[in-house]
Amino acid sequence: MMGFGCCGGMVTLMLLAGLFWIVLLVGVGILLYALVTRWQGGQGRTAASPDDPLALLKIRYARGEITREQYQQMLHDLTDRGADAG
């Protein structure tokens, strides 16, 4: 009596080999996804950095936190400040 049946050892080896290739392919896929998202600058759309006042102003206007007139005045102030500094 062999204990594993007719081809016991071979079946186990085949299952382990298949599992190995599945794990390897999933790992390569995860690695590629991580590299592509890092290369594109992060995952999807990122929040504006605090160092970018124009982007923050656009976000505040889009959220409805400020009116159109306030947006235009702040935009004018920020662009004038940039012209004065340069």
PDB file of N, CA and C in Angstrom:
ATOM      1  N   MET A   1       0.840  -1.178   0.000  1.00  0.00           N
ATOM      2  CA  MET A   1       0.000   0.000   0.000  1.00  0.00           C
ATOM      3  C   MET A   1       0.881   1.235   0.000  1.00  0.00           C
ATOM      4  N   MET A   2       0.591   2.146  -0.900  1.00  0.00           N
ATOM      5  CA  MET A   2       1.383   3.346  -1.022  1.00  0.00           C
ATOM      6  C   MET A   2       0.854   4.469  -0.145  1.00  0.00           C
ATOM      7  N   GLY A   3      -0.414   4.532   0.142  1.00  0.00           N
ATOM      8  CA  GLY A   3      -0.955   5.562   1.005  1.00  0.00           C
ATOM      9  C   GLY A   3      -1.499   6.769   0.250  1.00  0.00           C
ATOM     10  N   PHE A   4      -1.025   7.045  -0.940  1.00  0.00           N
ATOM     11  CA  PHE A   4      -1.484   8.200  -1.696  1.00  0.00           C
ATOM     12  C   PHE A   4      -2.349   7.807  -2.883  1.00  0.00           C
ATOM     13  N   GLY A   5      -2.626   6.585  -3.054  1.00  0.00           N
ATOM     14  CA  GLY A   5      -3.411   6.151  -4.194  1.00  0.00           C
ATOM     15  C   GLY A   5      -2.514   5.894  -5.388  1.00  0.00           C
ATOM     16  N   CYS A   6      -3.095   5.957  -6.540  1.00  0.00           N
ATOM     17  CA  CYS A   6      -2.368   5.597  -7.750  1.00  0.00           C
ATOM     18  C   CYS A   6      -1.250   6.562  -8.089  1.00  0.00           C
ATOM     19  N   CYS A   7      -1.489   7.843  -8.084  1.00  0.00           N
ATOM     20  CA  CYS A   7      -0.464   8.817  -8.494  1.00  0.00           C
ATOM     21  C   CYS A   7      -0.304   9.889  -7.425  1.00  0.00           C
ATOM     22  N   GLY A   8      -0.440   9.569  -6.189  1.00  0.00           N
ATOM     23  CA  GLY A   8      -0.505  10.515  -5.088  1.00  0.00           C
ATOM     24  C   GLY A   8       0.552  11.599  -5.097  1.00  0.00           C
ATOM     25  N   GLY A   9       1.781  11.234  -5.245  1.00  0.00           N
ATOM     26  CA  GLY A   9       2.846  12.217  -5.208  1.00  0.00           C
ATOM     27  C   GLY A   9       2.800  13.177  -6.380  1.00  0.00           C
ATOM     28  N   MET A  10       2.470  12.680  -7.537  1.00  0.00           N
ATOM     29  CA  MET A  10       2.421  13.520  -8.731  1.00  0.00           C
ATOM     30  C   MET A  10       1.287  14.539  -8.666  1.00  0.00           C
ATOM     31  N   VAL A  11       0.129  14.118  -8.164  1.00  0.00           N
ATOM     32  CA  VAL A  11      -1.010  15.032  -8.062  1.00  0.00           C
ATOM     33  C   VAL A  11      -0.673  16.174  -7.111  1.00  0.00           C
ATOM     34  N   THR A  12      -0.054  15.844  -5.999  1.00  0.00           N
ATOM     35  CA  THR A  12       0.327  16.868  -5.023  1.00  0.00           C
ATOM     36  C   THR A  12       1.333  17.828  -5.634  1.00  0.00           C
ATOM     37  N   LEU A  13       2.319  17.310  -6.340  1.00  0.00           N
ATOM     38  CA  LEU A  13       3.310  18.162  -6.983  1.00  0.00           C
ATOM     39  C   LEU A  13       2.676  19.068  -8.032  1.00  0.00           C
ATOM     40  N   MET A  14       1.741  18.553  -8.789  1.00  0.00           N
ATOM     41  CA  MET A  14       1.080  19.357  -9.811  1.00  0.00           C
ATOM     42  C   MET A  14       0.257  20.479  -9.175  1.00  0.00           C
ATOM     43  N   LEU A  15      -0.435  20.181  -8.084  1.00  0.00           N
ATOM     44  CA  LEU A  15      -1.212  21.212  -7.396  1.00  0.00           C
ATOM     45  C   LEU A  15      -0.308  22.293  -6.820  1.00  0.00           C
ATOM     46  N   LEU A  16       0.818  21.881  -6.227  1.00  0.00           N
ATOM     47  CA  LEU A  16       1.751  22.864  -5.683  1.00  0.00           C
ATOM     48  C   LEU A  16       2.378  23.717  -6.779  1.00  0.00           C
ATOM     49  N   ALA A  17       2.691  23.125  -7.901  1.00  0.00           N
ATOM     50  CA  ALA A  17       3.256  23.882  -9.021  1.00  0.00           C
ATOM     51  C   ALA A  17       2.239  24.889  -9.552  1.00  0.00           C
ATOM     52  N   GLY A  18       0.998  24.486  -9.670  1.00  0.00           N
ATOM     53  CA  GLY A  18      -0.052  25.407 -10.118  1.00  0.00           C
ATOM     54  C   GLY A  18      -0.238  26.554  -9.146  1.00  0.00           C
ATOM     55  N   LEU A  19      -0.241  26.238  -7.855  1.00  0.00           N
ATOM     56  CA  LEU A  19      -0.372  27.265  -6.825  1.00  0.00           C
ATOM     57  C   LEU A  19       0.812  28.231  -6.883  1.00  0.00           C
ATOM     58  N   PHE A  20       2.005  27.704  -7.095  1.00  0.00           N
ATOM     59  CA  PHE A  20       3.193  28.541  -7.201  1.00  0.00           C
ATOM     60  C   PHE A  20       3.045  29.550  -8.342  1.00  0.00           C
ATOM     61  N   TRP A  21       2.595  29.098  -9.521  1.00  0.00           N
ATOM     62  CA  TRP A  21       2.466  29.991 -10.662  1.00  0.00           C
ATOM     63  C   TRP A  21       1.372  31.037 -10.446  1.00  0.00           C
ATOM     64  N   ILE A  22       0.295  30.653  -9.795  1.00  0.00           N
ATOM     65  CA  ILE A  22      -0.775  31.614  -9.498  1.00  0.00           C
ATOM     66  C   ILE A  22      -0.249  32.704  -8.570  1.00  0.00           C
ATOM     67  N   VAL A  23       0.449  32.295  -7.497  1.00  0.00           N
ATOM     68  CA  VAL A  23       1.004  33.268  -6.553  1.00  0.00           C
ATOM     69  C   VAL A  23       2.034  34.159  -7.250  1.00  0.00           C
ATOM     70  N   LEU A  24       2.854  33.579  -8.094  1.00  0.00           N
ATOM     71  CA  LEU A  24       3.865  34.352  -8.812  1.00  0.00           C
ATOM     72  C   LEU A  24       3.218  35.381  -9.737  1.00  0.00           C
ATOM     73  N   LEU A  25       2.208  35.000 -10.495  1.00  0.00           N
ATOM     74  CA  LEU A  25       1.548  35.927 -11.407  1.00  0.00           C
ATOM     75  C   LEU A  25       0.811  37.036 -10.660  1.00  0.00           C
ATOM     76  N   VAL A  26       0.160  36.707  -9.553  1.00  0.00           N
ATOM     77  CA  VAL A  26      -0.512  37.727  -8.759  1.00  0.00           C
ATOM     78  C   VAL A  26       0.519  38.705  -8.190  1.00  0.00           C
ATOM     79  N   GLY A  27       1.638  38.188  -7.721  1.00  0.00           N
ATOM     80  CA  GLY A  27       2.698  39.053  -7.190  1.00  0.00           C
ATOM     81  C   GLY A  27       3.253  39.996  -8.243  1.00  0.00           C
ATOM     82  N   VAL A  28       3.474  39.487  -9.447  1.00  0.00           N
ATOM     83  CA  VAL A  28       3.972  40.333 -10.536  1.00  0.00           C
ATOM     84  C   VAL A  28       2.926  41.393 -10.886  1.00  0.00           C
ATOM     85  N   GLY A  29       1.666  41.023 -10.882  1.00  0.00           N
ATOM     86  CA  GLY A  29       0.604  41.994 -11.166  1.00  0.00           C
ATOM     87  C   GLY A  29       0.558  43.100 -10.127  1.00  0.00           C
ATOM     88  N   ILE A  30       0.680  42.748  -8.873  1.00  0.00           N
ATOM     89  CA  ILE A  30       0.682  43.753  -7.806  1.00  0.00           C
ATOM     90  C   ILE A  30       1.897  44.672  -7.940  1.00  0.00           C
ATOM     91  N   LEU A  31       3.041  44.095  -8.249  1.00  0.00           N
ATOM     92  CA  LEU A  31       4.259  44.885  -8.433  1.00  0.00           C
ATOM     93  C   LEU A  31       4.100  45.859  -9.602  1.00  0.00           C
ATOM     94  N   LEU A  32       3.566  45.404 -10.716  1.00  0.00           N
ATOM     95  CA  LEU A  32       3.353  46.277 -11.868  1.00  0.00           C
ATOM     96  C   LEU A  32       2.364  47.396 -11.545  1.00  0.00           C
ATOM     97  N   TYR A  33       1.296  47.073 -10.840  1.00  0.00           N
ATOM     98  CA  TYR A  33       0.311  48.084 -10.450  1.00  0.00           C
ATOM     99  C   TYR A  33       0.961  49.146  -9.569  1.00  0.00           C
ATOM    100  N   ALA A  34       1.765  48.723  -8.602  1.00  0.00           N
ATOM    101  CA  ALA A  34       2.433  49.669  -7.716  1.00  0.00           C
ATOM    102  C   ALA A  34       3.393  50.566  -8.491  1.00  0.00           C
ATOM    103  N   LEU A  35       4.135  49.997  -9.420  1.00  0.00           N
ATOM    104  CA  LEU A  35       5.071  50.793 -10.210  1.00  0.00           C
ATOM    105  C   LEU A  35       4.345  51.796 -11.106  1.00  0.00           C
ATOM    106  N   VAL A  36       3.258  51.375 -11.733  1.00  0.00           N
ATOM    107  CA  VAL A  36       2.524  52.272 -12.623  1.00  0.00           C
ATOM    108  C   VAL A  36       1.885  53.408 -11.842  1.00  0.00           C
ATOM    109  N   THR A  37       1.264  53.122 -10.710  1.00  0.00           N
ATOM    110  CA  THR A  37       0.631  54.189  -9.930  1.00  0.00           C
ATOM    111  C   THR A  37       1.674  55.147  -9.373  1.00  0.00           C
ATOM    112  N   ARG A  38       2.831  54.652  -8.987  1.00  0.00           N
ATOM    113  CA  ARG A  38       3.885  55.538  -8.499  1.00  0.00           C
ATOM    114  C   ARG A  38       4.412  56.399  -9.642  1.00  0.00           C
ATOM    115  N   TRP A  39       4.543  55.814 -10.832  1.00  0.00           N
ATOM    116  CA  TRP A  39       5.051  56.541 -11.984  1.00  0.00           C
ATOM    117  C   TRP A  39       4.075  57.639 -12.401  1.00  0.00           C
ATOM    118  N   GLN A  40       2.780  57.401 -12.217  1.00  0.00           N
ATOM    119  CA  GLN A  40       1.770  58.392 -12.584  1.00  0.00           C
ATOM    120  C   GLN A  40       1.552  59.425 -11.497  1.00  0.00           C
ATOM    121  N   GLY A  41       2.272  59.338 -10.414  1.00  0.00           N
ATOM    122  CA  GLY A  41       2.159  60.352  -9.374  1.00  0.00           C
ATOM    123  C   GLY A  41       1.172  60.010  -8.282  1.00  0.00           C
ATOM    124  N   GLY A  42       0.940  58.787  -7.988  1.00  0.00           N
ATOM    125  CA  GLY A  42       0.052  58.415  -6.903  1.00  0.00           C
ATOM    126  C   GLY A  42      -1.162  57.665  -7.384  1.00  0.00           C
ATOM    127  N   GLN A  43      -2.070  57.395  -6.489  1.00  0.00           N
ATOM    128  CA  GLN A  43      -3.269  56.647  -6.813  1.00  0.00           C
ATOM    129  C   GLN A  43      -4.364  57.612  -7.217  1.00  0.00           C
ATOM    130  N   GLY A  44      -4.719  57.568  -8.470  1.00  0.00           N
ATOM    131  CA  GLY A  44      -5.808  58.416  -8.940  1.00  0.00           C
ATOM    132  C   GLY A  44      -5.509  59.877  -8.750  1.00  0.00           C
ATOM    133  N   ARG A  45      -6.530  60.652  -8.437  1.00  0.00           N
ATOM    134  CA  ARG A  45      -6.368  62.071  -8.222  1.00  0.00           C
ATOM    135  C   ARG A  45      -5.958  62.310  -6.789  1.00  0.00           C
ATOM    136  N   THR A  46      -4.929  63.083  -6.618  1.00  0.00           N
ATOM    137  CA  THR A  46      -4.457  63.382  -5.283  1.00  0.00           C
ATOM    138  C   THR A  46      -4.945  64.753  -4.859  1.00  0.00           C
ATOM    139  N   ALA A  47      -5.002  64.982  -3.575  1.00  0.00           N
ATOM    140  CA  ALA A  47      -5.404  66.281  -3.055  1.00  0.00           C
ATOM    141  C   ALA A  47      -4.333  67.313  -3.365  1.00  0.00           C
ATOM    142  N   ALA A  48      -4.770  68.547  -3.509  1.00  0.00           N
ATOM    143  CA  ALA A  48      -3.820  69.609  -3.788  1.00  0.00           C
ATOM    144  C   ALA A  48      -2.910  69.818  -2.582  1.00  0.00           C
ATOM    145  N   SER A  49      -1.679  70.113  -2.873  1.00  0.00           N
ATOM    146  CA  SER A  49      -0.749  70.335  -1.779  1.00  0.00           C
ATOM    147  C   SER A  49      -1.027  71.700  -1.169  1.00  0.00           C
ATOM    148  N   PRO A  50      -0.730  71.880   0.105  1.00  0.00           N
ATOM    149  CA  PRO A  50      -0.960  73.174   0.757  1.00  0.00           C
ATOM    150  C   PRO A  50      -0.092  74.282   0.161  1.00  0.00           C
ATOM    151  N   ASP A  51       0.916  73.912  -0.628  1.00  0.00           N
ATOM    152  CA  ASP A  51       1.802  74.897  -1.230  1.00  0.00           C
ATOM    153  C   ASP A  51       1.247  75.461  -2.538  1.00  0.00           C
ATOM    154  N   ASP A  52       0.096  75.007  -2.977  1.00  0.00           N
ATOM    155  CA  ASP A  52      -0.475  75.450  -4.240  1.00  0.00           C
ATOM    156  C   ASP A  52      -1.772  76.223  -3.978  1.00  0.00           C
ATOM    157  N   PRO A  53      -1.679  77.522  -3.755  1.00  0.00           N
ATOM    158  CA  PRO A  53      -2.873  78.294  -3.393  1.00  0.00           C
ATOM    159  C   PRO A  53      -3.915  78.365  -4.505  1.00  0.00           C
ATOM    160  N   LEU A  54      -3.486  78.377  -5.765  1.00  0.00           N
ATOM    161  CA  LEU A  54      -4.466  78.422  -6.855  1.00  0.00           C
ATOM    162  C   LEU A  54      -5.300  77.149  -6.910  1.00  0.00           C
ATOM    163  N   ALA A  55      -4.664  76.010  -6.680  1.00  0.00           N
ATOM    164  CA  ALA A  55      -5.407  74.746  -6.672  1.00  0.00           C
ATOM    165  C   ALA A  55      -6.385  74.711  -5.505  1.00  0.00           C
ATOM    166  N   LEU A  56      -5.952  75.189  -4.352  1.00  0.00           N
ATOM    167  CA  LEU A  56      -6.857  75.220  -3.195  1.00  0.00           C
ATOM    168  C   LEU A  56      -8.026  76.167  -3.433  1.00  0.00           C
ATOM    169  N   LEU A  57      -7.757  77.286  -4.086  1.00  0.00           N
ATOM    170  CA  LEU A  57      -8.828  78.232  -4.399  1.00  0.00           C
ATOM    171  C   LEU A  57      -9.849  77.596  -5.333  1.00  0.00           C
ATOM    172  N   LYS A  58      -9.376  76.877  -6.349  1.00  0.00           N
ATOM    173  CA  LYS A  58     -10.290  76.202  -7.274  1.00  0.00           C
ATOM    174  C   LYS A  58     -11.125  75.148  -6.557  1.00  0.00           C
ATOM    175  N   ILE A  59     -10.510  74.433  -5.628  1.00  0.00           N
ATOM    176  CA  ILE A  59     -11.234  73.406  -4.872  1.00  0.00           C
ATOM    177  C   ILE A  59     -12.310  74.049  -4.005  1.00  0.00           C
ATOM    178  N   ARG A  60     -11.960  75.138  -3.338  1.00  0.00           N
ATOM    179  CA  ARG A  60     -12.954  75.824  -2.479  1.00  0.00           C
ATOM    180  C   ARG A  60     -14.123  76.337  -3.304  1.00  0.00           C
ATOM    181  N   TYR A  61     -13.840  76.862  -4.492  1.00  0.00           N
ATOM    182  CA  TYR A  61     -14.913  77.350  -5.369  1.00  0.00           C
ATOM    183  C   TYR A  61     -15.778  76.181  -5.863  1.00  0.00           C
ATOM    184  N   ALA A  62     -15.144  75.094  -6.232  1.00  0.00           N
ATOM    185  CA  ALA A  62     -15.883  73.928  -6.719  1.00  0.00           C
ATOM    186  C   ALA A  62     -16.769  73.342  -5.622  1.00  0.00           C
ATOM    187  N   ARG A  63     -16.326  73.390  -4.393  1.00  0.00           N
ATOM    188  CA  ARG A  63     -17.132  72.870  -3.278  1.00  0.00           C
ATOM    189  C   ARG A  63     -18.260  73.815  -2.873  1.00  0.00           C
ATOM    190  N   GLY A  64     -18.230  75.050  -3.385  1.00  0.00           N
ATOM    191  CA  GLY A  64     -19.265  76.014  -3.021  1.00  0.00           C
ATOM    192  C   GLY A  64     -18.967  76.747  -1.729  1.00  0.00           C
ATOM    193  N   GLU A  65     -17.727  76.697  -1.276  1.00  0.00           N
ATOM    194  CA  GLU A  65     -17.360  77.380  -0.032  1.00  0.00           C
ATOM    195  C   GLU A  65     -17.261  78.889  -0.226  1.00  0.00           C
ATOM    196  N   ILE A  66     -17.007  79.331  -1.454  1.00  0.00           N
ATOM    197  CA  ILE A  66     -16.905  80.755  -1.746  1.00  0.00           C
ATOM    198  C   ILE A  66     -17.743  81.063  -2.979  1.00  0.00           C
ATOM    199  N   THR A  67     -18.159  82.335  -3.097  1.00  0.00           N
ATOM    200  CA  THR A  67     -18.973  82.754  -4.240  1.00  0.00           C
ATOM    201  C   THR A  67     -18.080  83.042  -5.440  1.00  0.00           C
ATOM    202  N   ARG A  68     -18.723  83.265  -6.575  1.00  0.00           N
ATOM    203  CA  ARG A  68     -17.980  83.582  -7.791  1.00  0.00           C
ATOM    204  C   ARG A  68     -17.194  84.883  -7.632  1.00  0.00           C
ATOM    205  N   GLU A  69     -17.817  85.863  -7.018  1.00  0.00           N
ATOM    206  CA  GLU A  69     -17.146  87.147  -6.816  1.00  0.00           C
ATOM    207  C   GLU A  69     -15.923  86.983  -5.897  1.00  0.00           C
ATOM    208  N   GLN A  70     -16.091  86.221  -4.822  1.00  0.00           N
ATOM    209  CA  GLN A  70     -14.959  85.969  -3.919  1.00  0.00           C
ATOM    210  C   GLN A  70     -13.850  85.222  -4.660  1.00  0.00           C
ATOM    211  N   TYR A  71     -14.241  84.242  -5.475  1.00  0.00           N
ATOM    212  CA  TYR A  71     -13.260  83.478  -6.243  1.00  0.00           C
ATOM    213  C   TYR A  71     -12.470  84.401  -7.172  1.00  0.00           C
ATOM    214  N   GLN A  72     -13.193  85.250  -7.905  1.00  0.00           N
ATOM    215  CA  GLN A  72     -12.522  86.137  -8.851  1.00  0.00           C
ATOM    216  C   GLN A  72     -11.592  87.124  -8.135  1.00  0.00           C
ATOM    217  N   GLN A  73     -12.052  87.654  -6.995  1.00  0.00           N
ATOM    218  CA  GLN A  73     -11.208  88.584  -6.245  1.00  0.00           C
ATOM    219  C   GLN A  73      -9.957  87.896  -5.712  1.00  0.00           C
ATOM    220  N   MET A  74     -10.126  86.703  -5.153  1.00  0.00           N
ATOM    221  CA  MET A  74      -8.973  85.969  -4.616  1.00  0.00           C
ATOM    222  C   MET A  74      -8.025  85.559  -5.743  1.00  0.00           C
ATOM    223  N   LEU A  75      -8.583  85.145  -6.875  1.00  0.00           N
ATOM    224  CA  LEU A  75      -7.758  84.783  -8.017  1.00  0.00           C
ATOM    225  C   LEU A  75      -6.949  85.986  -8.492  1.00  0.00           C
ATOM    226  N   HIS A  76      -7.607  87.141  -8.548  1.00  0.00           N
ATOM    227  CA  HIS A  76      -6.920  88.368  -8.933  1.00  0.00           C
ATOM    228  C   HIS A  76      -5.808  88.692  -7.935  1.00  0.00           C
ATOM    229  N   ASP A  77      -6.114  88.582  -6.656  1.00  0.00           N
ATOM    230  CA  ASP A  77      -5.109  88.858  -5.627  1.00  0.00           C
ATOM    231  C   ASP A  77      -3.907  87.906  -5.733  1.00  0.00           C
ATOM    232  N   LEU A  78      -4.192  86.639  -5.957  1.00  0.00           N
ATOM    233  CA  LEU A  78      -3.092  85.663  -6.032  1.00  0.00           C
ATOM    234  C   LEU A  78      -2.229  85.855  -7.282  1.00  0.00           C
ATOM    235  N   THR A  79      -2.867  86.160  -8.401  1.00  0.00           N
ATOM    236  CA  THR A  79      -2.097  86.344  -9.630  1.00  0.00           C
ATOM    237  C   THR A  79      -1.324  87.643  -9.595  1.00  0.00           C
ATOM    238  N   ASP A  80      -1.871  88.678  -8.969  1.00  0.00           N
ATOM    239  CA  ASP A  80      -1.133  89.940  -8.807  1.00  0.00           C
ATOM    240  C   ASP A  80       0.052  89.755  -7.890  1.00  0.00           C
ATOM    241  N   ARG A  81      -0.133  88.968  -6.831  1.00  0.00           N
ATOM    242  CA  ARG A  81       0.969  88.711  -5.897  1.00  0.00           C
ATOM    243  C   ARG A  81       2.110  88.002  -6.606  1.00  0.00           C
ATOM    244  N   GLY A  82       1.754  87.053  -7.505  1.00  0.00           N
ATOM    245  CA  GLY A  82       2.774  86.353  -8.266  1.00  0.00           C
ATOM    246  C   GLY A  82       3.512  87.281  -9.211  1.00  0.00           C
ATOM    247  N   ALA A  83       2.798  88.254  -9.803  1.00  0.00           N
ATOM    248  CA  ALA A  83       3.428  89.200 -10.726  1.00  0.00           C
ATOM    249  C   ALA A  83       4.336  90.164  -9.971  1.00  0.00           C
ATOM    250  N   ASP A  84       3.921  90.557  -8.737  1.00  0.00           N
ATOM    251  CA  ASP A  84       4.744  91.454  -7.941  1.00  0.00           C
ATOM    252  C   ASP A  84       6.031  90.799  -7.482  1.00  0.00           C
ATOM    253  N   ALA A  85       5.952  89.502  -7.170  1.00  0.00           N
ATOM    254  CA  ALA A  85       7.126  88.786  -6.677  1.00  0.00           C
ATOM    255  C   ALA A  85       8.135  88.542  -7.788  1.00  0.00           C
ATOM    256  N   GLY A  86       7.668  88.416  -9.042  1.00  0.00           N
ATOM    257  CA  GLY A  86       8.562  88.069 -10.141  1.00  0.00           C
ATOM    258  C   GLY A  86       8.977  89.237 -10.894  1.00  0.00           C
TER     259      GLY A  86
END
